[in-house]
Protein backbone atom coordinates (compact mmCIF):
# COMPACT_ATOMS: atom_id res chain seq x y z
CA MET A 1 100.47 123.81 80.38
CA GLU A 2 100.46 120.30 78.07
CA PHE A 3 97.21 118.69 78.09
CA GLN A 4 98.21 116.28 75.05
CA LEU A 5 100.47 112.94 75.48
CA SER A 6 103.80 112.81 74.77
CA GLN A 7 104.92 111.29 71.28
CA GLU A 8 106.39 108.50 73.52
CA GLN A 9 103.05 108.19 75.78
CA ARG A 10 100.85 108.00 72.52
CA LEU A 11 103.23 105.03 71.27
CA ILE A 12 102.71 103.22 74.46
CA ARG A 13 98.98 103.59 74.43
CA ASP A 14 98.76 102.52 70.83
CA GLU A 15 101.10 99.45 71.27
CA ILE A 16 99.07 98.18 74.38
CA ARG A 17 96.02 98.99 72.39
CA THR A 18 97.41 96.51 69.72
CA LEU A 19 98.36 93.99 72.17
CA CYS A 20 94.85 94.06 73.50
CA SER A 21 93.15 93.69 70.27
CA ASP A 22 94.09 89.87 70.27
CA PHE A 23 92.03 89.57 73.73
CA GLY A 24 88.76 91.18 73.03
CA ASP A 25 85.40 90.61 75.27
CA GLU A 26 84.76 87.01 74.08
CA TYR A 27 88.29 85.97 75.49
CA TRP A 28 87.67 87.77 78.87
CA ARG A 29 84.17 86.61 78.84
CA GLU A 30 85.29 82.91 78.74
CA LYS A 31 87.99 83.26 81.22
CA ASN A 32 85.62 84.99 83.79
CA ARG A 33 83.07 81.98 83.24
CA ASN A 34 85.34 79.22 83.52
CA HIS A 35 87.48 80.85 86.05
CA GLU A 36 90.85 80.49 84.17
CA PHE A 37 93.66 82.61 84.76
CA ALA A 38 94.45 84.60 81.79
CA TRP A 39 98.07 83.08 80.94
CA GLU A 40 98.02 83.81 77.36
CA PHE A 41 97.16 87.67 77.82
CA PHE A 42 100.38 87.70 80.58
CA GLU A 43 102.61 85.91 78.49
CA ALA A 44 101.88 88.44 75.51
CA PHE A 45 102.06 91.38 78.05
CA ALA A 46 105.37 90.04 79.04
CA ASP A 47 106.86 89.28 75.79
CA GLY A 48 105.78 92.88 75.15
CA GLY A 49 108.27 94.06 77.62
CA TRP A 50 105.57 95.56 79.73
CA CYS A 51 106.05 93.81 83.09
CA GLY A 52 109.10 95.89 83.49
CA ILE A 53 107.53 99.37 82.60
CA THR A 54 108.44 100.93 85.78
CA VAL A 55 111.85 98.82 86.67
CA PRO A 56 114.89 100.80 86.15
CA GLU A 57 116.57 100.23 82.66
CA ALA A 58 119.86 99.22 85.22
CA TYR A 59 117.52 95.93 86.09
CA GLY A 60 116.27 95.20 82.45
CA GLY A 61 112.88 97.27 82.74
CA GLN A 62 111.84 100.10 80.72
CA GLY A 63 112.02 102.92 83.54
CA TYR A 64 109.05 104.92 83.41
CA GLY A 65 107.00 106.53 85.49
CA VAL A 66 103.36 106.11 86.65
CA GLN A 67 102.30 108.42 83.96
CA GLU A 68 102.92 105.90 81.39
CA ALA A 69 101.97 102.78 83.75
CA SER A 70 98.66 104.44 84.32
CA ILE A 71 98.28 104.75 80.37
CA VAL A 72 98.54 101.07 80.19
CA GLN A 73 96.46 99.95 82.91
CA GLN A 74 93.53 102.28 81.50
CA GLU A 75 93.97 100.77 77.93
CA ILE A 76 93.87 97.28 79.28
CA ALA A 77 90.81 97.88 81.25
CA ARG A 78 89.21 99.64 78.27
CA SER A 79 89.98 96.86 76.12
CA GLY A 80 87.21 94.96 77.94
CA ALA A 81 89.97 93.03 80.22
CA ALA A 82 88.49 95.31 82.77
CA MET A 83 89.73 94.52 86.58
CA ALA A 84 90.72 90.93 85.65
CA GLY A 85 93.27 92.10 82.97
CA THR A 86 94.55 94.99 85.20
CA SER A 87 94.70 92.93 88.23
CA ILE A 88 96.91 90.39 86.29
CA THR A 89 99.40 93.13 85.60
CA SER A 90 99.28 95.58 88.19
CA HIS A 91 101.74 93.89 90.88
CA HIS A 92 104.40 94.06 88.11
CA VAL A 93 103.68 97.45 87.32
CA PHE A 94 103.43 99.14 91.01
CA SER A 95 104.18 96.53 93.83
CA VAL A 96 107.65 96.60 92.96
CA ALA A 97 108.25 100.39 94.20
CA PRO A 98 109.43 99.70 97.63
CA LEU A 99 112.01 97.17 96.33
CA VAL A 100 113.49 99.55 93.76
CA GLU A 101 113.39 102.54 96.23
CA PHE A 102 114.49 100.88 99.08
CA GLY A 103 116.11 97.57 98.67
CA ASP A 104 119.54 96.86 98.85
CA GLU A 105 121.71 96.44 95.72
CA ALA A 106 121.70 92.18 95.82
CA HIS A 107 118.10 92.17 96.72
CA LYS A 108 117.28 94.32 93.50
CA GLU A 109 119.66 92.15 91.37
CA ARG A 110 118.16 89.06 92.78
CA TYR A 111 114.46 89.83 91.70
CA LEU A 112 114.08 92.80 89.34
CA PRO A 113 115.14 91.55 86.18
CA GLN A 114 113.03 88.36 86.64
CA ILE A 115 110.13 90.53 87.24
CA ALA A 116 110.96 93.00 84.16
CA ASP A 117 111.19 89.73 81.89
CA GLY A 118 107.88 88.30 83.17
CA ASP A 119 109.29 85.36 84.56
CA VAL A 120 107.95 85.43 87.49
CA MET A 121 104.52 86.28 88.86
CA VAL A 122 104.13 89.03 91.88
CA CYS A 123 101.61 88.94 94.41
CA THR A 124 101.03 91.12 97.64
CA GLY A 125 100.43 90.20 101.06
CA VAL A 126 99.25 92.83 103.26
CA THR A 127 95.74 93.16 104.31
CA GLU A 128 94.50 90.51 106.97
CA PRO A 129 91.10 89.26 108.51
CA ASN A 130 91.42 91.80 111.30
CA ALA A 131 93.73 94.48 109.42
CA GLY A 132 92.14 95.99 106.48
CA THR A 133 91.66 99.61 106.72
CA ASP A 134 93.83 99.84 110.11
CA THR A 135 97.13 98.61 108.91
CA SER A 136 98.64 98.89 112.45
CA ARG A 137 96.45 95.76 113.21
CA ILE A 138 98.79 93.45 111.34
CA GLU A 139 99.10 90.22 113.54
CA THR A 140 101.40 88.01 110.99
CA THR A 141 104.65 87.96 112.52
CA ALA A 142 108.14 87.66 111.41
CA ASP A 143 110.54 86.19 114.01
CA ARG A 144 114.29 86.30 113.47
CA GLN A 145 116.00 83.28 113.98
CA GLY A 146 119.80 83.62 112.59
CA ASP A 147 119.79 84.40 109.00
CA GLU A 148 116.16 83.71 108.61
CA TYR A 149 112.60 85.16 109.66
CA VAL A 150 110.04 82.42 110.51
CA ILE A 151 106.64 83.96 109.11
CA ASN A 152 103.31 82.91 110.89
CA GLY A 153 99.92 84.38 110.31
CA GLN A 154 97.25 84.81 107.60
CA LYS A 155 96.46 87.25 104.77
CA ILE A 156 93.46 87.75 102.64
CA TRP A 157 92.57 89.20 99.25
CA THR A 158 95.91 88.07 98.03
CA SER A 159 95.68 88.31 94.33
CA LYS A 160 97.22 85.71 92.00
CA ALA A 161 98.58 83.65 95.30
CA GLN A 162 97.82 80.37 92.97
CA GLU A 163 100.19 81.29 90.42
CA ALA A 164 102.81 83.58 92.07
CA ASP A 165 106.55 82.98 92.15
CA VAL A 166 107.25 86.10 94.86
CA ILE A 167 105.48 88.06 97.28
CA MET A 168 105.72 91.51 98.55
CA LEU A 169 104.84 90.76 102.46
CA LEU A 170 104.03 92.89 105.45
CA ALA A 171 104.54 91.35 108.93
CA ARG A 172 105.40 92.31 112.51
CA THR A 173 108.91 91.86 113.79
CA LYS A 174 107.86 93.49 116.94
CA PRO A 175 104.58 93.92 118.95
CA ARG A 176 102.41 96.65 118.10
CA GLU A 177 102.94 99.61 120.70
CA ASP A 178 99.93 102.45 121.12
CA ALA A 179 103.02 105.01 121.19
CA ASP A 180 103.92 103.66 118.13
CA ARG A 181 101.11 101.61 116.16
CA PHE A 182 102.91 101.22 112.83
CA GLY A 183 106.48 100.99 114.57
CA GLY A 184 107.62 96.91 114.12
CA LEU A 185 105.90 96.48 110.77
CA SER A 186 108.75 94.97 108.37
CA LEU A 187 108.55 94.69 104.58
CA PHE A 188 109.64 91.49 102.74
CA PHE A 189 110.01 90.90 98.95
CA THR A 190 110.54 86.86 98.76
CA GLU A 191 109.86 83.78 96.82
CA PHE A 192 106.39 82.23 97.33
CA SER A 193 104.70 79.41 96.15
CA PRO A 194 101.19 77.80 96.99
CA GLU A 195 103.26 74.25 97.30
CA LYS A 196 105.83 75.73 99.66
CA ASP A 197 105.99 73.93 103.21
CA GLY A 198 104.13 75.70 105.73
CA VAL A 199 101.97 77.72 102.99
CA ASP A 200 98.31 77.26 102.62
CA VAL A 201 96.04 78.96 99.80
CA GLN A 202 92.36 79.12 99.63
CA GLU A 203 90.50 80.97 96.71
CA ILE A 204 87.75 83.29 97.75
CA PRO A 205 84.55 82.91 95.47
CA LYS A 206 83.80 86.56 94.68
CA ALA A 207 81.48 88.55 92.27
CA GLY A 208 83.58 89.48 89.52
CA ARG A 209 87.30 89.25 88.16
CA GLY A 210 86.96 85.52 87.55
CA ALA A 211 89.86 85.44 85.39
CA ALA A 212 92.33 86.71 88.48
CA ASP A 213 91.96 84.65 91.49
CA SER A 214 91.95 86.22 95.07
CA ASN A 215 92.90 84.51 98.22
CA GLU A 216 93.75 83.61 101.70
CA VAL A 217 96.92 82.61 102.45
CA TRP A 218 98.33 80.94 105.55
CA PHE A 219 101.88 80.73 107.04
CA ASP A 220 102.85 78.36 109.59
CA ASP A 221 106.60 78.54 110.40
CA VAL A 222 107.73 79.60 106.81
CA ARG A 223 111.13 80.19 106.63
CA ILE A 224 112.44 83.07 104.54
CA PRO A 225 115.94 84.58 103.99
CA ALA A 226 116.86 87.55 106.06
CA GLU A 227 118.25 89.10 103.21
CA ASP A 228 114.91 89.17 101.52
CA ARG A 229 113.99 92.19 103.89
CA ILE A 230 113.44 95.46 102.17
CA GLY A 231 115.49 98.12 104.03
CA GLU A 232 115.73 98.30 107.67
CA GLU A 233 113.57 96.52 110.26
CA GLY A 234 110.60 98.09 111.50
CA GLU A 235 110.32 100.37 108.62
CA GLY A 236 107.91 98.45 106.52
CA PHE A 237 104.80 100.76 106.71
CA THR A 238 106.86 103.80 105.77
CA TYR A 239 108.25 101.91 102.60
CA LEU A 240 104.51 100.57 101.80
CA LEU A 241 103.27 104.20 101.96
CA SER A 242 105.82 105.25 99.47
CA PHE A 243 103.84 103.44 96.68
CA ALA A 244 100.31 104.24 98.07
CA ASN A 245 99.69 107.21 95.97
CA SER A 246 100.46 105.26 92.95
CA GLU A 247 98.33 102.28 93.56
CA ARG A 248 95.53 104.98 93.96
CA ILE A 249 96.24 106.52 90.67
CA SER A 250 96.31 102.78 89.16
CA ILE A 251 92.90 102.13 90.34
CA ALA A 252 91.49 105.34 89.10
CA ALA A 253 93.05 104.65 85.54
CA ASN A 254 91.44 101.19 85.83
CA ALA A 255 88.24 102.73 86.61
CA VAL A 256 88.10 105.39 83.98
CA GLY A 257 89.28 102.38 81.33
CA ILE A 258 86.24 100.50 82.66
CA GLY A 259 83.67 103.21 82.33
CA GLN A 260 85.00 104.12 79.02
CA ALA A 261 84.54 100.63 77.88
CA ALA A 262 80.76 100.42 79.06
CA ILE A 263 79.85 103.85 77.53
CA ASP A 264 81.18 102.85 74.12
CA LYS A 265 79.07 99.41 74.55
CA ALA A 266 76.42 101.33 75.27
CA ALA A 267 76.55 104.12 72.65
CA ASP A 268 76.97 101.20 70.10
CA TYR A 269 73.82 99.38 71.19
CA ALA A 270 71.80 102.74 71.31
CA ARG A 271 72.49 102.97 67.74
CA GLU A 272 71.27 99.85 66.46
CA ARG A 273 68.69 98.62 68.87
CA GLN A 274 65.22 100.01 67.81
CA VAL A 275 62.12 100.79 69.77
CA PHE A 276 58.88 102.61 68.71
CA ASP A 277 59.95 102.70 65.22
CA ASP A 278 63.46 104.56 66.04
CA VAL A 279 66.57 103.62 67.57
CA ILE A 280 67.05 104.26 71.10
CA GLY A 281 69.84 106.45 70.94
CA SER A 282 67.65 109.09 69.37
CA TYR A 283 65.72 109.36 72.84
CA GLN A 284 67.10 112.13 75.33
CA ALA A 285 66.42 109.65 78.14
CA ILE A 286 69.30 107.51 76.54
CA GLN A 287 71.53 110.04 75.34
CA HIS A 288 71.83 112.20 78.16
CA PRO A 289 73.02 109.91 80.85
CA LEU A 290 75.74 108.54 78.43
CA ALA A 291 76.72 111.99 77.51
CA ASP A 292 77.08 113.27 81.40
CA SER A 293 78.97 110.05 82.21
CA TRP A 294 81.23 110.40 78.95
CA SER A 295 82.08 114.17 80.41
CA LYS A 296 82.65 112.91 83.81
CA LEU A 297 85.54 110.33 82.52
CA GLU A 298 86.90 112.73 80.36
CA GLN A 299 87.49 114.92 83.31
CA ASP A 300 88.55 111.95 85.46
CA GLU A 301 90.97 110.88 82.67
CA LEU A 302 92.66 114.55 83.07
CA MET A 303 92.82 114.09 86.79
CA VAL A 304 94.86 110.79 86.68
CA ARG A 305 97.51 112.68 84.33
CA LYS A 306 97.85 115.39 86.90
CA ALA A 307 98.17 112.90 89.84
CA ALA A 308 100.45 110.88 88.12
CA TRP A 309 102.53 114.11 87.02
CA CYS A 310 102.76 115.03 90.62
CA TYR A 311 104.03 111.62 91.41
CA ASP A 312 106.62 111.55 88.84
CA GLU A 313 107.62 114.63 89.56
CA GLY A 314 108.24 114.17 93.44
CA LYS A 315 105.44 116.71 94.09
CA ASP A 316 102.71 116.02 97.14
CA ALA A 317 100.57 113.65 95.30
CA GLY A 318 98.47 113.13 98.38
CA ALA A 319 95.36 115.04 97.41
CA PRO A 320 95.27 114.60 93.94
CA SER A 321 95.66 110.77 94.02
CA ASN A 322 93.05 110.38 96.58
CA ALA A 323 90.58 112.77 94.79
CA VAL A 324 90.91 110.76 91.43
CA LYS A 325 90.67 107.37 93.02
CA LEU A 326 87.32 108.59 94.33
CA ARG A 327 85.91 110.34 91.49
CA ALA A 328 86.79 107.96 88.90
CA SER A 329 85.77 105.08 90.96
CA GLU A 330 82.36 106.37 91.49
CA ASP A 331 81.87 108.09 87.94
CA ALA A 332 82.65 104.38 86.40
CA ILE A 333 80.30 102.47 88.53
CA GLU A 334 77.57 105.09 87.40
CA ALA A 335 78.84 104.61 83.87
CA CYS A 336 78.57 100.76 83.97
CA GLU A 337 75.24 100.80 85.77
CA ARG A 338 73.58 103.36 82.97
CA ALA A 339 75.41 100.97 80.26
CA VAL A 340 73.59 98.17 81.76
CA ARG A 341 70.13 100.23 81.64
CA VAL A 342 70.73 101.41 78.40
CA HIS A 343 71.18 97.62 77.11
CA GLY A 344 67.51 96.91 79.15
CA GLY A 345 67.13 93.08 79.85
CA MET A 346 70.36 92.40 77.73
CA GLY A 347 72.21 94.17 79.76
CA TYR A 348 72.15 91.44 82.28
CA ALA A 349 72.92 89.04 80.02
CA GLN A 350 76.73 87.76 80.12
CA GLU A 351 76.96 88.17 76.18
CA TYR A 352 76.92 91.98 76.13
CA ASP A 353 79.55 92.27 78.69
CA VAL A 354 78.35 95.25 80.61
CA GLU A 355 77.35 93.19 83.48
CA ARG A 356 81.01 92.12 83.77
CA TYR A 357 82.10 95.56 83.93
CA TRP A 358 79.51 96.48 86.30
CA ARG A 359 80.56 94.01 88.62
CA GLU A 360 84.39 94.56 88.26
CA ALA A 361 84.20 97.97 88.45
CA MET A 362 82.87 97.83 92.33
CA ILE A 363 86.45 96.64 93.35
CA ASN A 364 87.36 100.46 92.63
CA VAL A 365 85.08 101.79 95.37
CA ILE A 366 86.40 99.50 98.19
CA ALA A 367 89.84 98.78 97.55
CA PRO A 368 92.74 99.24 98.08
CA ILE A 369 90.93 101.67 100.61
CA SER A 370 87.42 102.51 100.62
CA ASN A 371 86.27 105.80 99.51
CA GLU A 372 84.64 106.99 102.78
CA MET A 373 88.26 107.05 104.10
CA VAL A 374 89.48 108.57 101.12
CA LYS A 375 87.09 111.42 102.10
CA ASN A 376 88.28 111.33 105.41
CA TYR A 377 91.68 111.95 104.25
CA ILE A 378 90.61 114.61 101.91
CA ALA A 379 88.61 115.92 104.95
CA GLN A 380 91.64 115.87 107.25
CA HIS A 381 94.77 116.57 105.21
CA VAL A 382 93.30 118.77 102.55
CA LEU A 383 90.28 120.71 104.15
CA GLU A 384 92.28 120.99 107.59
CA LEU A 385 89.03 119.18 109.52
CA PRO A 386 89.56 117.30 112.76
CA ARG A 387 90.54 113.76 112.29
CA SER A 388 86.91 111.87 112.38
CA TYR A 389 87.93 108.14 113.59
């Protein structure tokens, strides 16, 4: 059993740390405050070849697995970029998985090299106002008309739709049936633009992640090529599930990174801030919560590695991926709150950044699936208890 990162993985970690060192807290604080997309960071990420980390080498990528991709995401989050930074990079790292695994050769050749080069921005259109946790309730339709599909419907919480050039889109090609709730869902990987005829994009004001937009997207008779469908018609939900566990691992890695950043900040502050003639870090009321959070995040990091290893090795990654998403997201929220408390009133000030970490860490508790649903999964599939919903 090997707990140490390989030499290659350590090199990846060090290179990402170096890249992120040019984009510290001040950069992300400013982007968040002004609600500006972090193009400079994305371009540096792309220039380093990181957009293609999980894209096969045959299509211009690096061909790494989720183990390496999770290291990248954790280090970006830990640098102070938090969820704003990882939201900008995650779709390149993880959302291409269904296309890689199930797309035909022409489809992959059409998009993967551009994604690997960072020439296009990727977004994902799955969640809808009436179909969040229950994906079977997807209402957006894709009607086949000759060599095209006509898309009608609405998506919500579509990150980066303002900047995107391509979209992974889930839509109904057949009506929902109670006997086969997920049948009739098809997955597409196709060109996208907020300026495209029939497309309307509206940004959603939100608590955090100001440097990465989230949006509602409407499709009104939008035509896309039939050749941009991934795999077989009606198998979209199956293809989507192919990367669900990797997404949970990504969320956990993000959470660990944010939590570690918060604890680092709090410890730095506690070594300097003096109250009652001594630094506050000398008091157990400050030390113990930080030590507790540090130990939890250390455990979470090991859980991330185990889940990612299971995924890359083709083993059943459902239980470890859900477990680490649950634990890491909750532990990160706790770590960020403790960091705010250590800073006292200044923890509420933007200049110390821990309030930004705190707000952005909340996303990991509720997305891409709530922790309550994660507990349902563990209860049903691991503990073999009856389905509760």
